[in-house]
Amino acid sequence: SVVDGVGQYLPQIKGVFAKATDPFDP
């Protein structure tokens, strides 16, 4: 999480994983 005077930036992952063993698929 990066915080500066303009704002806070936080990475997030969007999309559904069918099961817990699924890899990230672009």
mmCIF file of all heavy atoms, coordinates in Angstrom:
data_MODEL
# 
_entry.id   MODEL 
# 
loop_
_atom_site.group_PDB 
_atom_site.id 
_atom_site.type_symbol 
_atom_site.label_atom_id 
_atom_site.label_alt_id 
_atom_site.label_comp_id 
_atom_site.label_asym_id 
_atom_site.label_entity_id 
_atom_site.label_seq_id 
_atom_site.pdbx_PDB_ins_code 
_atom_site.Cartn_x 
_atom_site.Cartn_y 
_atom_site.Cartn_z 
_atom_site.occupancy 
_atom_site.B_iso_or_equiv 
_atom_site.pdbx_formal_charge 
_atom_site.auth_seq_id 
_atom_site.auth_comp_id 
_atom_site.auth_asym_id 
_atom_site.auth_atom_id 
_atom_site.pdbx_PDB_model_num 
ATOM 1   N N   . SER A 1 1  ? 0.860   -1.172  0.000   1.00 0.00 ? 1  SER A N   1 
ATOM 2   C CA  . SER A 1 1  ? 0.000   0.000   0.000   1.00 0.00 ? 1  SER A CA  1 
ATOM 3   C C   . SER A 1 1  ? 0.901   1.228   0.000   1.00 0.00 ? 1  SER A C   1 
ATOM 4   O O   . SER A 1 1  ? 1.773   1.359   0.849   1.00 0.00 ? 1  SER A O   1 
ATOM 5   C CB  . SER A 1 1  ? -0.898  0.002   1.243   1.00 0.00 ? 1  SER A CB  1 
ATOM 6   O OG  . SER A 1 1  ? -1.541  1.251   1.397   1.00 0.00 ? 1  SER A OG  1 
ATOM 7   N N   . VAL A 1 2  ? 0.697   2.108   -0.964  1.00 0.00 ? 2  VAL A N   1 
ATOM 8   C CA  . VAL A 1 2  ? 1.516   3.312   -1.084  1.00 0.00 ? 2  VAL A CA  1 
ATOM 9   C C   . VAL A 1 2  ? 0.677   4.521   -0.720  1.00 0.00 ? 2  VAL A C   1 
ATOM 10  O O   . VAL A 1 2  ? -0.413  4.716   -1.263  1.00 0.00 ? 2  VAL A O   1 
ATOM 11  C CB  . VAL A 1 2  ? 2.091   3.452   -2.508  1.00 0.00 ? 2  VAL A CB  1 
ATOM 12  C CG1 . VAL A 1 2  ? 2.777   4.804   -2.678  1.00 0.00 ? 2  VAL A CG1 1 
ATOM 13  C CG2 . VAL A 1 2  ? 3.082   2.328   -2.786  1.00 0.00 ? 2  VAL A CG2 1 
ATOM 14  N N   . VAL A 1 3  ? 1.188   5.332   0.210   1.00 0.00 ? 3  VAL A N   1 
ATOM 15  C CA  . VAL A 1 3  ? 0.470   6.512   0.678   1.00 0.00 ? 3  VAL A CA  1 
ATOM 16  C C   . VAL A 1 3  ? 1.330   7.750   0.429   1.00 0.00 ? 3  VAL A C   1 
ATOM 17  O O   . VAL A 1 3  ? 2.494   7.793   0.826   1.00 0.00 ? 3  VAL A O   1 
ATOM 18  C CB  . VAL A 1 3  ? 0.136   6.410   2.180   1.00 0.00 ? 3  VAL A CB  1 
ATOM 19  C CG1 . VAL A 1 3  ? -0.624  7.652   2.641   1.00 0.00 ? 3  VAL A CG1 1 
ATOM 20  C CG2 . VAL A 1 3  ? -0.662  5.155   2.462   1.00 0.00 ? 3  VAL A CG2 1 
ATOM 21  N N   . ASP A 1 4  ? 0.753   8.748   -0.247  1.00 0.00 ? 4  ASP A N   1 
ATOM 22  C CA  . ASP A 1 4  ? 1.423   10.035  -0.381  1.00 0.00 ? 4  ASP A CA  1 
ATOM 23  C C   . ASP A 1 4  ? 0.394   11.132  -0.126  1.00 0.00 ? 4  ASP A C   1 
ATOM 24  O O   . ASP A 1 4  ? -0.726  10.861  0.313   1.00 0.00 ? 4  ASP A O   1 
ATOM 25  C CB  . ASP A 1 4  ? 2.100   10.194  -1.754  1.00 0.00 ? 4  ASP A CB  1 
ATOM 26  C CG  . ASP A 1 4  ? 1.127   10.068  -2.917  1.00 0.00 ? 4  ASP A CG  1 
ATOM 27  O OD1 . ASP A 1 4  ? -0.086  10.229  -2.701  1.00 0.00 ? 4  ASP A OD1 1 
ATOM 28  O OD2 . ASP A 1 4  ? 1.587   9.809   -4.046  1.00 0.00 ? 4  ASP A OD2 1 
ATOM 29  N N   . GLY A 1 5  ? 0.751   12.373  -0.380  1.00 0.00 ? 5  GLY A N   1 
ATOM 30  C CA  . GLY A 1 5  ? -0.167  13.460  -0.096  1.00 0.00 ? 5  GLY A CA  1 
ATOM 31  C C   . GLY A 1 5  ? -1.387  13.482  -0.980  1.00 0.00 ? 5  GLY A C   1 
ATOM 32  O O   . GLY A 1 5  ? -2.412  14.071  -0.625  1.00 0.00 ? 5  GLY A O   1 
ATOM 33  N N   . VAL A 1 6  ? -1.306  12.844  -2.144  1.00 0.00 ? 6  VAL A N   1 
ATOM 34  C CA  . VAL A 1 6  ? -2.437  12.826  -3.068  1.00 0.00 ? 6  VAL A CA  1 
ATOM 35  C C   . VAL A 1 6  ? -3.425  11.731  -2.710  1.00 0.00 ? 6  VAL A C   1 
ATOM 36  O O   . VAL A 1 6  ? -4.638  11.903  -2.818  1.00 0.00 ? 6  VAL A O   1 
ATOM 37  C CB  . VAL A 1 6  ? -1.936  12.658  -4.520  1.00 0.00 ? 6  VAL A CB  1 
ATOM 38  C CG1 . VAL A 1 6  ? -3.109  12.574  -5.492  1.00 0.00 ? 6  VAL A CG1 1 
ATOM 39  C CG2 . VAL A 1 6  ? -1.038  13.825  -4.901  1.00 0.00 ? 6  VAL A CG2 1 
ATOM 40  N N   . GLY A 1 7  ? -2.923  10.571  -2.289  1.00 0.00 ? 7  GLY A N   1 
ATOM 41  C CA  . GLY A 1 7  ? -3.839  9.494   -1.965  1.00 0.00 ? 7  GLY A CA  1 
ATOM 42  C C   . GLY A 1 7  ? -3.149  8.230   -1.514  1.00 0.00 ? 7  GLY A C   1 
ATOM 43  O O   . GLY A 1 7  ? -1.919  8.175   -1.364  1.00 0.00 ? 7  GLY A O   1 
ATOM 44  N N   . GLN A 1 8  ? -3.944  7.201   -1.301  1.00 0.00 ? 8  GLN A N   1 
ATOM 45  C CA  . GLN A 1 8  ? -3.458  5.864   -0.966  1.00 0.00 ? 8  GLN A CA  1 
ATOM 46  C C   . GLN A 1 8  ? -3.777  4.934   -2.121  1.00 0.00 ? 8  GLN A C   1 
ATOM 47  O O   . GLN A 1 8  ? -4.892  4.929   -2.644  1.00 0.00 ? 8  GLN A O   1 
ATOM 48  C CB  . GLN A 1 8  ? -4.111  5.339   0.309   1.00 0.00 ? 8  GLN A CB  1 
ATOM 49  C CG  . GLN A 1 8  ? -3.660  3.913   0.670   1.00 0.00 ? 8  GLN A CG  1 
ATOM 50  C CD  . GLN A 1 8  ? -4.345  3.383   1.919   1.00 0.00 ? 8  GLN A CD  1 
ATOM 51  O OE1 . GLN A 1 8  ? -5.361  3.912   2.352   1.00 0.00 ? 8  GLN A OE1 1 
ATOM 52  N NE2 . GLN A 1 8  ? -3.788  2.338   2.493   1.00 0.00 ? 8  GLN A NE2 1 
ATOM 53  N N   . TYR A 1 9  ? -2.796  4.156   -2.530  1.00 0.00 ? 9  TYR A N   1 
ATOM 54  C CA  . TYR A 1 9  ? -2.928  3.245   -3.662  1.00 0.00 ? 9  TYR A CA  1 
ATOM 55  C C   . TYR A 1 9  ? -2.758  1.822   -3.143  1.00 0.00 ? 9  TYR A C   1 
ATOM 56  O O   . TYR A 1 9  ? -1.797  1.509   -2.443  1.00 0.00 ? 9  TYR A O   1 
ATOM 57  C CB  . TYR A 1 9  ? -1.866  3.548   -4.717  1.00 0.00 ? 9  TYR A CB  1 
ATOM 58  C CG  . TYR A 1 9  ? -1.831  5.009   -5.124  1.00 0.00 ? 9  TYR A CG  1 
ATOM 59  C CD1 . TYR A 1 9  ? -1.133  5.940   -4.364  1.00 0.00 ? 9  TYR A CD1 1 
ATOM 60  C CD2 . TYR A 1 9  ? -2.506  5.467   -6.249  1.00 0.00 ? 9  TYR A CD2 1 
ATOM 61  C CE1 . TYR A 1 9  ? -1.105  7.280   -4.715  1.00 0.00 ? 9  TYR A CE1 1 
ATOM 62  C CE2 . TYR A 1 9  ? -2.483  6.798   -6.614  1.00 0.00 ? 9  TYR A CE2 1 
ATOM 63  C CZ  . TYR A 1 9  ? -1.783  7.705   -5.836  1.00 0.00 ? 9  TYR A CZ  1 
ATOM 64  O OH  . TYR A 1 9  ? -1.760  9.029   -6.185  1.00 0.00 ? 9  TYR A OH  1 
ATOM 65  N N   . LEU A 1 10 ? -3.710  0.958   -3.499  1.00 0.00 ? 10 LEU A N   1 
ATOM 66  C CA  . LEU A 1 10 ? -3.716  -0.405  -2.972  1.00 0.00 ? 10 LEU A CA  1 
ATOM 67  C C   . LEU A 1 10 ? -4.013  -1.385  -4.104  1.00 0.00 ? 10 LEU A C   1 
ATOM 68  O O   . LEU A 1 10 ? -5.025  -1.247  -4.795  1.00 0.00 ? 10 LEU A O   1 
ATOM 69  C CB  . LEU A 1 10 ? -4.789  -0.536  -1.887  1.00 0.00 ? 10 LEU A CB  1 
ATOM 70  C CG  . LEU A 1 10 ? -4.797  -1.811  -1.046  1.00 0.00 ? 10 LEU A CG  1 
ATOM 71  C CD1 . LEU A 1 10 ? -3.576  -1.854  -0.142  1.00 0.00 ? 10 LEU A CD1 1 
ATOM 72  C CD2 . LEU A 1 10 ? -6.071  -1.867  -0.211  1.00 0.00 ? 10 LEU A CD2 1 
ATOM 73  N N   . PRO A 1 11 ? -3.134  -2.383  -4.338  1.00 0.00 ? 11 PRO A N   1 
ATOM 74  C CA  . PRO A 1 11 ? -3.396  -3.338  -5.421  1.00 0.00 ? 11 PRO A CA  1 
ATOM 75  C C   . PRO A 1 11 ? -4.579  -4.237  -5.101  1.00 0.00 ? 11 PRO A C   1 
ATOM 76  O O   . PRO A 1 11 ? -4.786  -4.629  -3.945  1.00 0.00 ? 11 PRO A O   1 
ATOM 77  C CB  . PRO A 1 11 ? -2.089  -4.143  -5.499  1.00 0.00 ? 11 PRO A CB  1 
ATOM 78  C CG  . PRO A 1 11 ? -1.485  -4.034  -4.139  1.00 0.00 ? 11 PRO A CG  1 
ATOM 79  C CD  . PRO A 1 11 ? -1.872  -2.679  -3.626  1.00 0.00 ? 11 PRO A CD  1 
ATOM 80  N N   . GLN A 1 12 ? -5.371  -4.543  -6.118  1.00 0.00 ? 12 GLN A N   1 
ATOM 81  C CA  . GLN A 1 12 ? -6.510  -5.445  -5.973  1.00 0.00 ? 12 GLN A CA  1 
ATOM 82  C C   . GLN A 1 12 ? -6.567  -6.381  -7.174  1.00 0.00 ? 12 GLN A C   1 
ATOM 83  O O   . GLN A 1 12 ? -6.091  -6.033  -8.262  1.00 0.00 ? 12 GLN A O   1 
ATOM 84  C CB  . GLN A 1 12 ? -7.820  -4.668  -5.885  1.00 0.00 ? 12 GLN A CB  1 
ATOM 85  C CG  . GLN A 1 12 ? -8.002  -3.868  -4.620  1.00 0.00 ? 12 GLN A CG  1 
ATOM 86  C CD  . GLN A 1 12 ? -9.379  -3.227  -4.547  1.00 0.00 ? 12 GLN A CD  1 
ATOM 87  O OE1 . GLN A 1 12 ? -10.074 -3.090  -5.545  1.00 0.00 ? 12 GLN A OE1 1 
ATOM 88  N NE2 . GLN A 1 12 ? -9.799  -2.834  -3.344  1.00 0.00 ? 12 GLN A NE2 1 
ATOM 89  N N   . ILE A 1 13 ? -7.139  -7.563  -6.960  1.00 0.00 ? 13 ILE A N   1 
ATOM 90  C CA  . ILE A 1 13 ? -7.317  -8.538  -8.042  1.00 0.00 ? 13 ILE A CA  1 
ATOM 91  C C   . ILE A 1 13 ? -8.804  -8.709  -8.294  1.00 0.00 ? 13 ILE A C   1 
ATOM 92  O O   . ILE A 1 13 ? -9.576  -8.973  -7.370  1.00 0.00 ? 13 ILE A O   1 
ATOM 93  C CB  . ILE A 1 13 ? -6.674  -9.889  -7.690  1.00 0.00 ? 13 ILE A CB  1 
ATOM 94  C CG1 . ILE A 1 13 ? -5.157  -9.728  -7.577  1.00 0.00 ? 13 ILE A CG1 1 
ATOM 95  C CG2 . ILE A 1 13 ? -7.018  -10.941 -8.746  1.00 0.00 ? 13 ILE A CG2 1 
ATOM 96  C CD1 . ILE A 1 13 ? -4.432  -10.966 -7.094  1.00 0.00 ? 13 ILE A CD1 1 
ATOM 97  N N   . LYS A 1 14 ? -9.212  -8.519  -9.549  1.00 0.00 ? 14 LYS A N   1 
ATOM 98  C CA  . LYS A 1 14 ? -10.612 -8.697  -9.931  1.00 0.00 ? 14 LYS A CA  1 
ATOM 99  C C   . LYS A 1 14 ? -10.777 -10.002 -10.689 1.00 0.00 ? 14 LYS A C   1 
ATOM 100 O O   . LYS A 1 14 ? -9.873  -10.423 -11.415 1.00 0.00 ? 14 LYS A O   1 
ATOM 101 C CB  . LYS A 1 14 ? -11.085 -7.524  -10.787 1.00 0.00 ? 14 LYS A CB  1 
ATOM 102 C CG  . LYS A 1 14 ? -11.276 -6.232  -10.011 1.00 0.00 ? 14 LYS A CG  1 
ATOM 103 C CD  . LYS A 1 14 ? -11.961 -5.190  -10.861 1.00 0.00 ? 14 LYS A CD  1 
ATOM 104 C CE  . LYS A 1 14 ? -12.289 -3.950  -10.038 1.00 0.00 ? 14 LYS A CE  1 
ATOM 105 N NZ  . LYS A 1 14 ? -13.016 -2.935  -10.854 1.00 0.00 ? 14 LYS A NZ  1 
ATOM 106 N N   . GLY A 1 15 ? -11.941 -10.606 -10.561 1.00 0.00 ? 15 GLY A N   1 
ATOM 107 C CA  . GLY A 1 15 ? -12.210 -11.863 -11.245 1.00 0.00 ? 15 GLY A CA  1 
ATOM 108 C C   . GLY A 1 15 ? -12.477 -12.981 -10.261 1.00 0.00 ? 15 GLY A C   1 
ATOM 109 O O   . GLY A 1 15 ? -12.091 -12.918 -9.087  1.00 0.00 ? 15 GLY A O   1 
ATOM 110 N N   . VAL A 1 16 ? -13.138 -14.031 -10.735 1.00 0.00 ? 16 VAL A N   1 
ATOM 111 C CA  . VAL A 1 16 ? -13.530 -15.155 -9.885  1.00 0.00 ? 16 VAL A CA  1 
ATOM 112 C C   . VAL A 1 16 ? -12.619 -16.353 -10.144 1.00 0.00 ? 16 VAL A C   1 
ATOM 113 O O   . VAL A 1 16 ? -12.324 -16.687 -11.296 1.00 0.00 ? 16 VAL A O   1 
ATOM 114 C CB  . VAL A 1 16 ? -14.997 -15.552 -10.151 1.00 0.00 ? 16 VAL A CB  1 
ATOM 115 C CG1 . VAL A 1 16 ? -15.385 -16.782 -9.335  1.00 0.00 ? 16 VAL A CG1 1 
ATOM 116 C CG2 . VAL A 1 16 ? -15.915 -14.378 -9.837  1.00 0.00 ? 16 VAL A CG2 1 
ATOM 117 N N   . PHE A 1 17 ? -12.170 -16.994 -9.069  1.00 0.00 ? 17 PHE A N   1 
ATOM 118 C CA  . PHE A 1 17 ? -11.398 -18.238 -9.151  1.00 0.00 ? 17 PHE A CA  1 
ATOM 119 C C   . PHE A 1 17 ? -12.337 -19.395 -8.818  1.00 0.00 ? 17 PHE A C   1 
ATOM 120 O O   . PHE A 1 17 ? -12.954 -19.416 -7.744  1.00 0.00 ? 17 PHE A O   1 
ATOM 121 C CB  . PHE A 1 17 ? -10.224 -18.210 -8.163  1.00 0.00 ? 17 PHE A CB  1 
ATOM 122 C CG  . PHE A 1 17 ? -9.172  -17.182 -8.493  1.00 0.00 ? 17 PHE A CG  1 
ATOM 123 C CD1 . PHE A 1 17 ? -9.368  -15.837 -8.222  1.00 0.00 ? 17 PHE A CD1 1 
ATOM 124 C CD2 . PHE A 1 17 ? -7.987  -17.566 -9.098  1.00 0.00 ? 17 PHE A CD2 1 
ATOM 125 C CE1 . PHE A 1 17 ? -8.410  -14.893 -8.522  1.00 0.00 ? 17 PHE A CE1 1 
ATOM 126 C CE2 . PHE A 1 17 ? -7.009  -16.626 -9.407  1.00 0.00 ? 17 PHE A CE2 1 
ATOM 127 C CZ  . PHE A 1 17 ? -7.223  -15.283 -9.124  1.00 0.00 ? 17 PHE A CZ  1 
ATOM 128 N N   . ALA A 1 18 ? -12.463 -20.337 -9.746  1.00 0.00 ? 18 ALA A N   1 
ATOM 129 C CA  . ALA A 1 18 ? -13.429 -21.421 -9.569  1.00 0.00 ? 18 ALA A CA  1 
ATOM 130 C C   . ALA A 1 18 ? -13.102 -22.295 -8.371  1.00 0.00 ? 18 ALA A C   1 
ATOM 131 O O   . ALA A 1 18 ? -13.994 -22.818 -7.699  1.00 0.00 ? 18 ALA A O   1 
ATOM 132 C CB  . ALA A 1 18 ? -13.500 -22.273 -10.839 1.00 0.00 ? 18 ALA A CB  1 
ATOM 133 N N   . LYS A 1 19 ? -11.830 -22.473 -8.093  1.00 0.00 ? 19 LYS A N   1 
ATOM 134 C CA  . LYS A 1 19 ? -11.417 -23.272 -6.930  1.00 0.00 ? 19 LYS A CA  1 
ATOM 135 C C   . LYS A 1 19 ? -10.114 -22.712 -6.386  1.00 0.00 ? 19 LYS A C   1 
ATOM 136 O O   . LYS A 1 19 ? -9.406  -21.955 -7.055  1.00 0.00 ? 19 LYS A O   1 
ATOM 137 C CB  . LYS A 1 19 ? -11.263 -24.751 -7.292  1.00 0.00 ? 19 LYS A CB  1 
ATOM 138 C CG  . LYS A 1 19 ? -10.389 -25.047 -8.483  1.00 0.00 ? 19 LYS A CG  1 
ATOM 139 C CD  . LYS A 1 19 ? -10.420 -26.538 -8.796  1.00 0.00 ? 19 LYS A CD  1 
ATOM 140 C CE  . LYS A 1 19 ? -9.526  -26.900 -9.985  1.00 0.00 ? 19 LYS A CE  1 
ATOM 141 N NZ  . LYS A 1 19 ? -9.989  -26.243 -11.236 1.00 0.00 ? 19 LYS A NZ  1 
ATOM 142 N N   . ALA A 1 20 ? -9.798  -23.095 -5.161  1.00 0.00 ? 20 ALA A N   1 
ATOM 143 C CA  . ALA A 1 20 ? -8.673  -22.494 -4.445  1.00 0.00 ? 20 ALA A CA  1 
ATOM 144 C C   . ALA A 1 20 ? -7.325  -22.802 -5.086  1.00 0.00 ? 20 ALA A C   1 
ATOM 145 O O   . ALA A 1 20 ? -6.334  -22.119 -4.807  1.00 0.00 ? 20 ALA A O   1 
ATOM 146 C CB  . ALA A 1 20 ? -8.673  -22.963 -2.984  1.00 0.00 ? 20 ALA A CB  1 
ATOM 147 N N   . THR A 1 21 ? -7.262  -23.807 -5.943  1.00 0.00 ? 21 THR A N   1 
ATOM 148 C CA  . THR A 1 21 ? -5.991  -24.175 -6.577  1.00 0.00 ? 21 THR A CA  1 
ATOM 149 C C   . THR A 1 21 ? -5.796  -23.523 -7.943  1.00 0.00 ? 21 THR A C   1 
ATOM 150 O O   . THR A 1 21 ? -4.778  -23.733 -8.591  1.00 0.00 ? 21 THR A O   1 
ATOM 151 C CB  . THR A 1 21 ? -5.907  -25.710 -6.732  1.00 0.00 ? 21 THR A CB  1 
ATOM 152 O OG1 . THR A 1 21 ? -7.064  -26.164 -7.465  1.00 0.00 ? 21 THR A OG1 1 
ATOM 153 C CG2 . THR A 1 21 ? -5.861  -26.384 -5.365  1.00 0.00 ? 21 THR A CG2 1 
ATOM 154 N N   . ASP A 1 22 ? -6.780  -22.739 -8.378  1.00 0.00 ? 22 ASP A N   1 
ATOM 155 C CA  . ASP A 1 22 ? -6.681  -22.088 -9.688  1.00 0.00 ? 22 ASP A CA  1 
ATOM 156 C C   . ASP A 1 22 ? -5.570  -21.029 -9.688  1.00 0.00 ? 22 ASP A C   1 
ATOM 157 O O   . ASP A 1 22 ? -5.447  -20.259 -8.733  1.00 0.00 ? 22 ASP A O   1 
ATOM 158 C CB  . ASP A 1 22 ? -8.004  -21.404 -10.051 1.00 0.00 ? 22 ASP A CB  1 
ATOM 159 C CG  . ASP A 1 22 ? -9.027  -22.391 -10.579 1.00 0.00 ? 22 ASP A CG  1 
ATOM 160 O OD1 . ASP A 1 22 ? -8.695  -23.592 -10.670 1.00 0.00 ? 22 ASP A OD1 1 
ATOM 161 O OD2 . ASP A 1 22 ? -10.152 -21.958 -10.893 1.00 0.00 ? 22 ASP A OD2 1 
ATOM 162 N N   . PRO A 1 23 ? -4.785  -20.972 -10.765 1.00 0.00 ? 23 PRO A N   1 
ATOM 163 C CA  . PRO A 1 23 ? -3.780  -19.915 -10.887 1.00 0.00 ? 23 PRO A CA  1 
ATOM 164 C C   . PRO A 1 23 ? -4.416  -18.629 -11.417 1.00 0.00 ? 23 PRO A C   1 
ATOM 165 O O   . PRO A 1 23 ? -5.554  -18.631 -11.893 1.00 0.00 ? 23 PRO A O   1 
ATOM 166 C CB  . PRO A 1 23 ? -2.798  -20.492 -11.914 1.00 0.00 ? 23 PRO A CB  1 
ATOM 167 C CG  . PRO A 1 23 ? -3.666  -21.339 -12.798 1.00 0.00 ? 23 PRO A CG  1 
ATOM 168 C CD  . PRO A 1 23 ? -4.726  -21.924 -11.893 1.00 0.00 ? 23 PRO A CD  1 
ATOM 169 N N   . PHE A 1 24 ? -3.679  -17.553 -11.339 1.00 0.00 ? 24 PHE A N   1 
ATOM 170 C CA  . PHE A 1 24 ? -4.128  -16.281 -11.922 1.00 0.00 ? 24 PHE A CA  1 
ATOM 171 C C   . PHE A 1 24 ? -4.100  -16.416 -13.436 1.00 0.00 ? 24 PHE A C   1 
ATOM 172 O O   . PHE A 1 24 ? -3.107  -16.821 -14.025 1.00 0.00 ? 24 PHE A O   1 
ATOM 173 C CB  . PHE A 1 24 ? -3.185  -15.157 -11.472 1.00 0.00 ? 24 PHE A CB  1 
ATOM 174 C CG  . PHE A 1 24 ? -3.551  -13.799 -12.027 1.00 0.00 ? 24 PHE A CG  1 
ATOM 175 C CD1 . PHE A 1 24 ? -4.398  -12.963 -11.326 1.00 0.00 ? 24 PHE A CD1 1 
ATOM 176 C CD2 . PHE A 1 24 ? -3.042  -13.362 -13.248 1.00 0.00 ? 24 PHE A CD2 1 
ATOM 177 C CE1 . PHE A 1 24 ? -4.730  -11.705 -11.818 1.00 0.00 ? 24 PHE A CE1 1 
ATOM 178 C CE2 . PHE A 1 24 ? -3.374  -12.115 -13.754 1.00 0.00 ? 24 PHE A CE2 1 
ATOM 179 C CZ  . PHE A 1 24 ? -4.220  -11.283 -13.033 1.00 0.00 ? 24 PHE A CZ  1 
ATOM 180 N N   . ASP A 1 25 ? -5.229  -16.084 -14.078 1.00 0.00 ? 25 ASP A N   1 
ATOM 181 C CA  . ASP A 1 25 ? -5.353  -16.187 -15.533 1.00 0.00 ? 25 ASP A CA  1 
ATOM 182 C C   . ASP A 1 25 ? -5.675  -14.797 -16.087 1.00 0.00 ? 25 ASP A C   1 
ATOM 183 O O   . ASP A 1 25 ? -6.761  -14.266 -15.849 1.00 0.00 ? 25 ASP A O   1 
ATOM 184 C CB  . ASP A 1 25 ? -6.469  -17.171 -15.896 1.00 0.00 ? 25 ASP A CB  1 
ATOM 185 C CG  . ASP A 1 25 ? -6.616  -17.368 -17.399 1.00 0.00 ? 25 ASP A CG  1 
ATOM 186 O OD1 . ASP A 1 25 ? -5.951  -16.646 -18.170 1.00 0.00 ? 25 ASP A OD1 1 
ATOM 187 O OD2 . ASP A 1 25 ? -7.397  -18.246 -17.805 1.00 0.00 ? 25 ASP A OD2 1 
ATOM 188 N N   . PRO A 1 26 ? -4.748  -14.153 -16.834 1.00 0.00 ? 26 PRO A N   1 
ATOM 189 C CA  . PRO A 1 26 ? -4.993  -12.807 -17.360 1.00 0.00 ? 26 PRO A CA  1 
ATOM 190 C C   . PRO A 1 26 ? -6.242  -12.709 -18.229 1.00 0.00 ? 26 PRO A C   1 
ATOM 191 O O   . PRO A 1 26 ? -6.788  -11.615 -18.395 1.00 0.00 ? 26 PRO A O   1 
ATOM 192 C CB  . PRO A 1 26 ? -3.734  -12.516 -18.191 1.00 0.00 ? 26 PRO A CB  1 
ATOM 193 C CG  . PRO A 1 26 ? -2.681  -13.399 -17.603 1.00 0.00 ? 26 PRO A CG  1 
ATOM 194 C CD  . PRO A 1 26 ? -3.400  -14.637 -17.170 1.00 0.00 ? 26 PRO A CD  1 
# 
